[in-house]
Amino acid sequence: MPPFTALLHTKNDALRLGRALETLVPCGEILVVDHHSADATGRIAREYGARLVAADSQANPQRYLELARFDWIFCLDPGDPSLKVCKQACSNGARCRATGL
């Protein structure tokens, strides 16, 4: 499986972000776009080694895709139920049926 970037958009997701990032540790890169959180979202993202980018309300959404290091990009929400499905796929190097990764 080629390396891929996990891209998450967050805003005040400190309570669920840790679980999401723990699932994504096997990814080649974790990119968190934070939309001006007032909680510990940024600190938690950095603790898991994620690259943290501040969201720009004027930016074209394509900008965040261009920041990814890898050609394959998995975009998701920190509360996305497919994280549970993909945890095993990422760990085993298998393709995830739910997302195609």
N, C-alpha and C. Protein backbone atom coordinates (compact mmCIF):
# COMPACT_ATOMS: atom_id res chain seq x y z
N MET A 1 0.85 -1.17 0.00
CA MET A 1 0.00 0.00 0.00
C MET A 1 0.90 1.24 0.00
N PRO A 2 0.63 2.20 -0.88
CA PRO A 2 1.45 3.41 -0.89
C PRO A 2 1.17 4.25 0.36
N PRO A 3 2.13 5.05 0.77
CA PRO A 3 1.88 5.93 1.93
C PRO A 3 0.81 6.95 1.57
N PHE A 4 0.07 7.37 2.57
CA PHE A 4 -0.97 8.37 2.32
C PHE A 4 -1.05 9.35 3.47
N THR A 5 -1.68 10.47 3.18
CA THR A 5 -1.90 11.54 4.16
C THR A 5 -3.33 11.43 4.67
N ALA A 6 -3.48 11.48 5.97
CA ALA A 6 -4.81 11.60 6.58
C ALA A 6 -5.03 13.09 6.84
N LEU A 7 -6.11 13.63 6.32
CA LEU A 7 -6.42 15.05 6.43
C LEU A 7 -7.70 15.22 7.23
N LEU A 8 -7.59 15.91 8.35
CA LEU A 8 -8.75 16.14 9.22
C LEU A 8 -8.98 17.63 9.42
N HIS A 9 -10.22 18.05 9.31
CA HIS A 9 -10.61 19.42 9.65
C HIS A 9 -11.20 19.36 11.05
N THR A 10 -10.76 20.27 11.92
CA THR A 10 -11.22 20.25 13.30
C THR A 10 -11.66 21.64 13.76
N LYS A 11 -12.53 21.63 14.75
CA LYS A 11 -12.88 22.83 15.50
C LYS A 11 -13.41 22.36 16.85
N ASN A 12 -12.64 22.65 17.88
CA ASN A 12 -13.00 22.25 19.25
C ASN A 12 -13.31 20.76 19.34
N ASP A 13 -12.42 19.94 18.79
CA ASP A 13 -12.58 18.49 18.79
C ASP A 13 -11.67 17.79 19.78
N ALA A 14 -11.22 18.47 20.81
CA ALA A 14 -10.26 17.89 21.75
C ALA A 14 -10.77 16.59 22.36
N LEU A 15 -12.05 16.48 22.64
CA LEU A 15 -12.58 15.28 23.30
C LEU A 15 -12.53 14.03 22.43
N ARG A 16 -12.56 14.18 21.12
CA ARG A 16 -12.56 12.99 20.27
C ARG A 16 -11.34 12.88 19.36
N LEU A 17 -10.52 13.92 19.31
CA LEU A 17 -9.39 13.93 18.39
C LEU A 17 -8.33 12.89 18.74
N GLY A 18 -8.05 12.69 20.00
CA GLY A 18 -7.04 11.71 20.40
C GLY A 18 -7.34 10.32 19.89
N ARG A 19 -8.58 9.89 20.02
CA ARG A 19 -8.96 8.56 19.52
C ARG A 19 -8.79 8.48 18.01
N ALA A 20 -9.17 9.53 17.32
CA ALA A 20 -9.04 9.54 15.86
C ALA A 20 -7.58 9.47 15.45
N LEU A 21 -6.73 10.26 16.09
CA LEU A 21 -5.32 10.29 15.72
C LEU A 21 -4.61 9.00 16.10
N GLU A 22 -5.02 8.39 17.18
CA GLU A 22 -4.44 7.10 17.56
C GLU A 22 -4.68 6.06 16.47
N THR A 23 -5.85 6.10 15.89
CA THR A 23 -6.19 5.19 14.80
C THR A 23 -5.34 5.44 13.57
N LEU A 24 -4.96 6.69 13.36
CA LEU A 24 -4.26 7.09 12.14
C LEU A 24 -2.74 7.09 12.25
N VAL A 25 -2.20 6.68 13.38
CA VAL A 25 -0.75 6.67 13.58
C VAL A 25 0.00 5.95 12.45
N PRO A 26 -0.51 4.83 11.90
CA PRO A 26 0.22 4.16 10.81
C PRO A 26 0.30 4.95 9.50
N CYS A 27 -0.44 6.03 9.38
CA CYS A 27 -0.42 6.82 8.14
C CYS A 27 0.96 7.45 7.94
N GLY A 28 1.29 7.71 6.70
CA GLY A 28 2.55 8.36 6.40
C GLY A 28 2.61 9.78 6.92
N GLU A 29 1.45 10.43 6.99
CA GLU A 29 1.36 11.81 7.47
C GLU A 29 -0.04 12.05 7.99
N ILE A 30 -0.13 12.82 9.06
CA ILE A 30 -1.42 13.28 9.57
C ILE A 30 -1.40 14.80 9.51
N LEU A 31 -2.34 15.36 8.77
CA LEU A 31 -2.44 16.80 8.59
C LEU A 31 -3.76 17.26 9.21
N VAL A 32 -3.68 18.11 10.21
CA VAL A 32 -4.87 18.62 10.89
C VAL A 32 -5.04 20.09 10.54
N VAL A 33 -6.18 20.41 9.94
CA VAL A 33 -6.53 21.79 9.62
C VAL A 33 -7.48 22.25 10.72
N ASP A 34 -6.99 23.14 11.57
CA ASP A 34 -7.80 23.57 12.71
C ASP A 34 -8.49 24.90 12.41
N HIS A 35 -9.79 24.90 12.64
CA HIS A 35 -10.62 26.07 12.38
C HIS A 35 -10.81 26.88 13.65
N HIS A 36 -9.70 27.37 14.18
CA HIS A 36 -9.67 28.30 15.31
C HIS A 36 -10.31 27.73 16.58
N SER A 37 -9.86 26.55 16.96
CA SER A 37 -10.37 25.90 18.18
C SER A 37 -10.00 26.70 19.42
N ALA A 38 -10.89 26.68 20.39
CA ALA A 38 -10.65 27.35 21.67
C ALA A 38 -10.31 26.35 22.77
N ASP A 39 -10.24 25.06 22.43
CA ASP A 39 -9.93 24.03 23.41
C ASP A 39 -8.52 23.48 23.15
N ALA A 40 -8.25 22.30 23.59
CA ALA A 40 -6.91 21.71 23.49
C ALA A 40 -6.67 20.96 22.18
N THR A 41 -7.46 21.21 21.17
CA THR A 41 -7.33 20.50 19.89
C THR A 41 -5.91 20.58 19.34
N GLY A 42 -5.34 21.76 19.29
CA GLY A 42 -3.99 21.93 18.75
C GLY A 42 -2.94 21.17 19.53
N ARG A 43 -3.02 21.23 20.82
CA ARG A 43 -2.05 20.52 21.67
C ARG A 43 -2.13 19.02 21.45
N ILE A 44 -3.33 18.50 21.37
CA ILE A 44 -3.51 17.06 21.16
C ILE A 44 -2.99 16.65 19.79
N ALA A 45 -3.27 17.44 18.77
CA ALA A 45 -2.76 17.13 17.42
C ALA A 45 -1.24 17.05 17.44
N ARG A 46 -0.58 18.00 18.07
CA ARG A 46 0.88 18.00 18.14
C ARG A 46 1.41 16.81 18.94
N GLU A 47 0.72 16.43 20.01
CA GLU A 47 1.15 15.27 20.82
C GLU A 47 1.19 13.99 19.99
N TYR A 48 0.33 13.88 19.00
CA TYR A 48 0.29 12.69 18.15
C TYR A 48 1.17 12.84 16.90
N GLY A 49 1.93 13.90 16.84
CA GLY A 49 2.83 14.10 15.73
C GLY A 49 2.18 14.61 14.46
N ALA A 50 0.97 15.10 14.57
CA ALA A 50 0.28 15.63 13.41
C ALA A 50 0.86 16.99 13.03
N ARG A 51 0.81 17.27 11.76
CA ARG A 51 1.19 18.61 11.30
C ARG A 51 -0.07 19.47 11.41
N LEU A 52 0.02 20.55 12.13
CA LEU A 52 -1.13 21.41 12.42
C LEU A 52 -1.06 22.66 11.55
N VAL A 53 -2.17 22.93 10.86
CA VAL A 53 -2.28 24.09 9.99
C VAL A 53 -3.50 24.88 10.42
N ALA A 54 -3.34 26.19 10.55
CA ALA A 54 -4.48 27.04 10.89
C ALA A 54 -5.34 27.25 9.64
N ALA A 55 -6.63 27.06 9.79
CA ALA A 55 -7.56 27.25 8.68
C ALA A 55 -7.64 28.73 8.32
N ASP A 56 -7.80 28.98 7.06
CA ASP A 56 -7.96 30.33 6.55
C ASP A 56 -9.32 30.40 5.88
N SER A 57 -10.21 31.22 6.40
CA SER A 57 -11.57 31.27 5.86
C SER A 57 -11.60 31.78 4.42
N GLN A 58 -10.56 32.45 3.98
CA GLN A 58 -10.48 32.97 2.62
C GLN A 58 -9.83 31.98 1.65
N ALA A 59 -9.25 30.91 2.17
CA ALA A 59 -8.50 29.98 1.33
C ALA A 59 -9.43 29.06 0.54
N ASN A 60 -8.99 28.71 -0.63
CA ASN A 60 -9.66 27.71 -1.44
C ASN A 60 -9.43 26.35 -0.77
N PRO A 61 -10.44 25.51 -0.62
CA PRO A 61 -10.24 24.20 0.02
C PRO A 61 -9.15 23.36 -0.64
N GLN A 62 -8.90 23.58 -1.90
CA GLN A 62 -7.85 22.87 -2.62
C GLN A 62 -6.48 23.11 -1.97
N ARG A 63 -6.32 24.25 -1.33
CA ARG A 63 -5.05 24.61 -0.69
C ARG A 63 -4.61 23.55 0.30
N TYR A 64 -5.53 23.01 1.07
CA TYR A 64 -5.18 22.02 2.09
C TYR A 64 -4.75 20.71 1.46
N LEU A 65 -5.35 20.35 0.33
CA LEU A 65 -4.93 19.14 -0.37
C LEU A 65 -3.51 19.31 -0.90
N GLU A 66 -3.17 20.50 -1.32
CA GLU A 66 -1.84 20.77 -1.85
C GLU A 66 -0.76 20.72 -0.77
N LEU A 67 -1.15 20.83 0.49
CA LEU A 67 -0.18 20.76 1.60
C LEU A 67 0.22 19.33 1.92
N ALA A 68 -0.54 18.36 1.44
CA ALA A 68 -0.27 16.95 1.75
C ALA A 68 1.04 16.51 1.10
N ARG A 69 1.80 15.70 1.81
CA ARG A 69 3.07 15.19 1.30
C ARG A 69 2.88 14.04 0.31
N PHE A 70 1.77 13.32 0.41
CA PHE A 70 1.57 12.13 -0.42
C PHE A 70 0.43 12.34 -1.40
N ASP A 71 0.46 11.58 -2.49
CA ASP A 71 -0.56 11.69 -3.53
C ASP A 71 -1.91 11.15 -3.07
N TRP A 72 -1.89 10.13 -2.23
CA TRP A 72 -3.13 9.56 -1.70
C TRP A 72 -3.51 10.33 -0.44
N ILE A 73 -4.74 10.84 -0.41
CA ILE A 73 -5.20 11.66 0.71
C ILE A 73 -6.53 11.11 1.20
N PHE A 74 -6.59 10.83 2.49
CA PHE A 74 -7.80 10.32 3.13
C PHE A 74 -8.37 11.45 3.98
N CYS A 75 -9.48 12.06 3.54
CA CYS A 75 -10.10 13.18 4.24
C CYS A 75 -11.22 12.65 5.13
N LEU A 76 -11.20 13.09 6.38
CA LEU A 76 -12.23 12.62 7.30
C LEU A 76 -12.45 13.58 8.44
N ASP A 77 -13.52 13.35 9.14
CA ASP A 77 -13.90 14.10 10.33
C ASP A 77 -13.42 13.31 11.54
N PRO A 78 -12.97 13.97 12.62
CA PRO A 78 -12.51 13.22 13.80
C PRO A 78 -13.51 12.23 14.37
N GLY A 79 -14.80 12.42 14.13
CA GLY A 79 -15.80 11.49 14.64
C GLY A 79 -16.28 10.50 13.60
N ASP A 80 -15.59 10.41 12.47
CA ASP A 80 -16.00 9.55 11.36
C ASP A 80 -16.00 8.08 11.77
N PRO A 81 -17.12 7.37 11.59
CA PRO A 81 -17.17 5.95 11.97
C PRO A 81 -16.25 5.06 11.13
N SER A 82 -15.84 5.52 9.95
CA SER A 82 -14.94 4.69 9.14
C SER A 82 -13.56 4.58 9.76
N LEU A 83 -13.24 5.40 10.75
CA LEU A 83 -11.96 5.27 11.44
C LEU A 83 -11.80 3.90 12.07
N LYS A 84 -12.87 3.37 12.64
CA LYS A 84 -12.81 2.04 13.24
C LYS A 84 -12.52 0.97 12.20
N VAL A 85 -13.14 1.11 11.04
CA VAL A 85 -12.95 0.15 9.96
C VAL A 85 -11.52 0.22 9.43
N CYS A 86 -11.00 1.42 9.32
CA CYS A 86 -9.68 1.61 8.71
C CYS A 86 -8.53 1.33 9.66
N LYS A 87 -8.76 1.30 10.96
CA LYS A 87 -7.68 1.05 11.90
C LYS A 87 -6.96 -0.25 11.59
N GLN A 88 -7.70 -1.31 11.39
CA GLN A 88 -7.10 -2.60 11.09
C GLN A 88 -6.46 -2.58 9.71
N ALA A 89 -7.11 -1.96 8.74
CA ALA A 89 -6.55 -1.91 7.39
C ALA A 89 -5.22 -1.17 7.38
N CYS A 90 -5.14 -0.06 8.09
CA CYS A 90 -3.89 0.71 8.14
C CYS A 90 -2.80 -0.08 8.83
N SER A 91 -3.14 -0.76 9.89
CA SER A 91 -2.16 -1.51 10.66
C SER A 91 -1.63 -2.71 9.89
N ASN A 92 -2.49 -3.35 9.10
CA ASN A 92 -2.10 -4.56 8.37
C ASN A 92 -1.61 -4.28 6.96
N GLY A 93 -1.70 -3.05 6.52
CA GLY A 93 -1.30 -2.72 5.16
C GLY A 93 -2.30 -3.21 4.13
N ALA A 94 -3.49 -3.57 4.56
CA ALA A 94 -4.53 -4.05 3.64
C ALA A 94 -5.34 -2.86 3.12
N ARG A 95 -6.12 -3.08 2.09
CA ARG A 95 -6.98 -2.04 1.57
C ARG A 95 -8.28 -2.02 2.36
N CYS A 96 -8.73 -0.84 2.70
CA CYS A 96 -9.97 -0.67 3.45
C CYS A 96 -11.13 -0.65 2.47
N ARG A 97 -12.06 -1.56 2.60
CA ARG A 97 -13.20 -1.65 1.68
C ARG A 97 -14.08 -0.40 1.77
N ALA A 98 -14.22 0.18 2.95
CA ALA A 98 -15.12 1.32 3.13
C ALA A 98 -14.61 2.56 2.40
N THR A 99 -13.30 2.71 2.29
CA THR A 99 -12.75 3.94 1.73
C THR A 99 -11.90 3.72 0.49
N GLY A 100 -11.56 2.48 0.20
CA GLY A 100 -10.69 2.21 -0.93
C GLY A 100 -9.22 2.33 -0.62
N LEU A 101 -8.90 2.61 0.62
CA LEU A 101 -7.48 2.74 1.03
C LEU A 101 -6.94 1.42 1.45
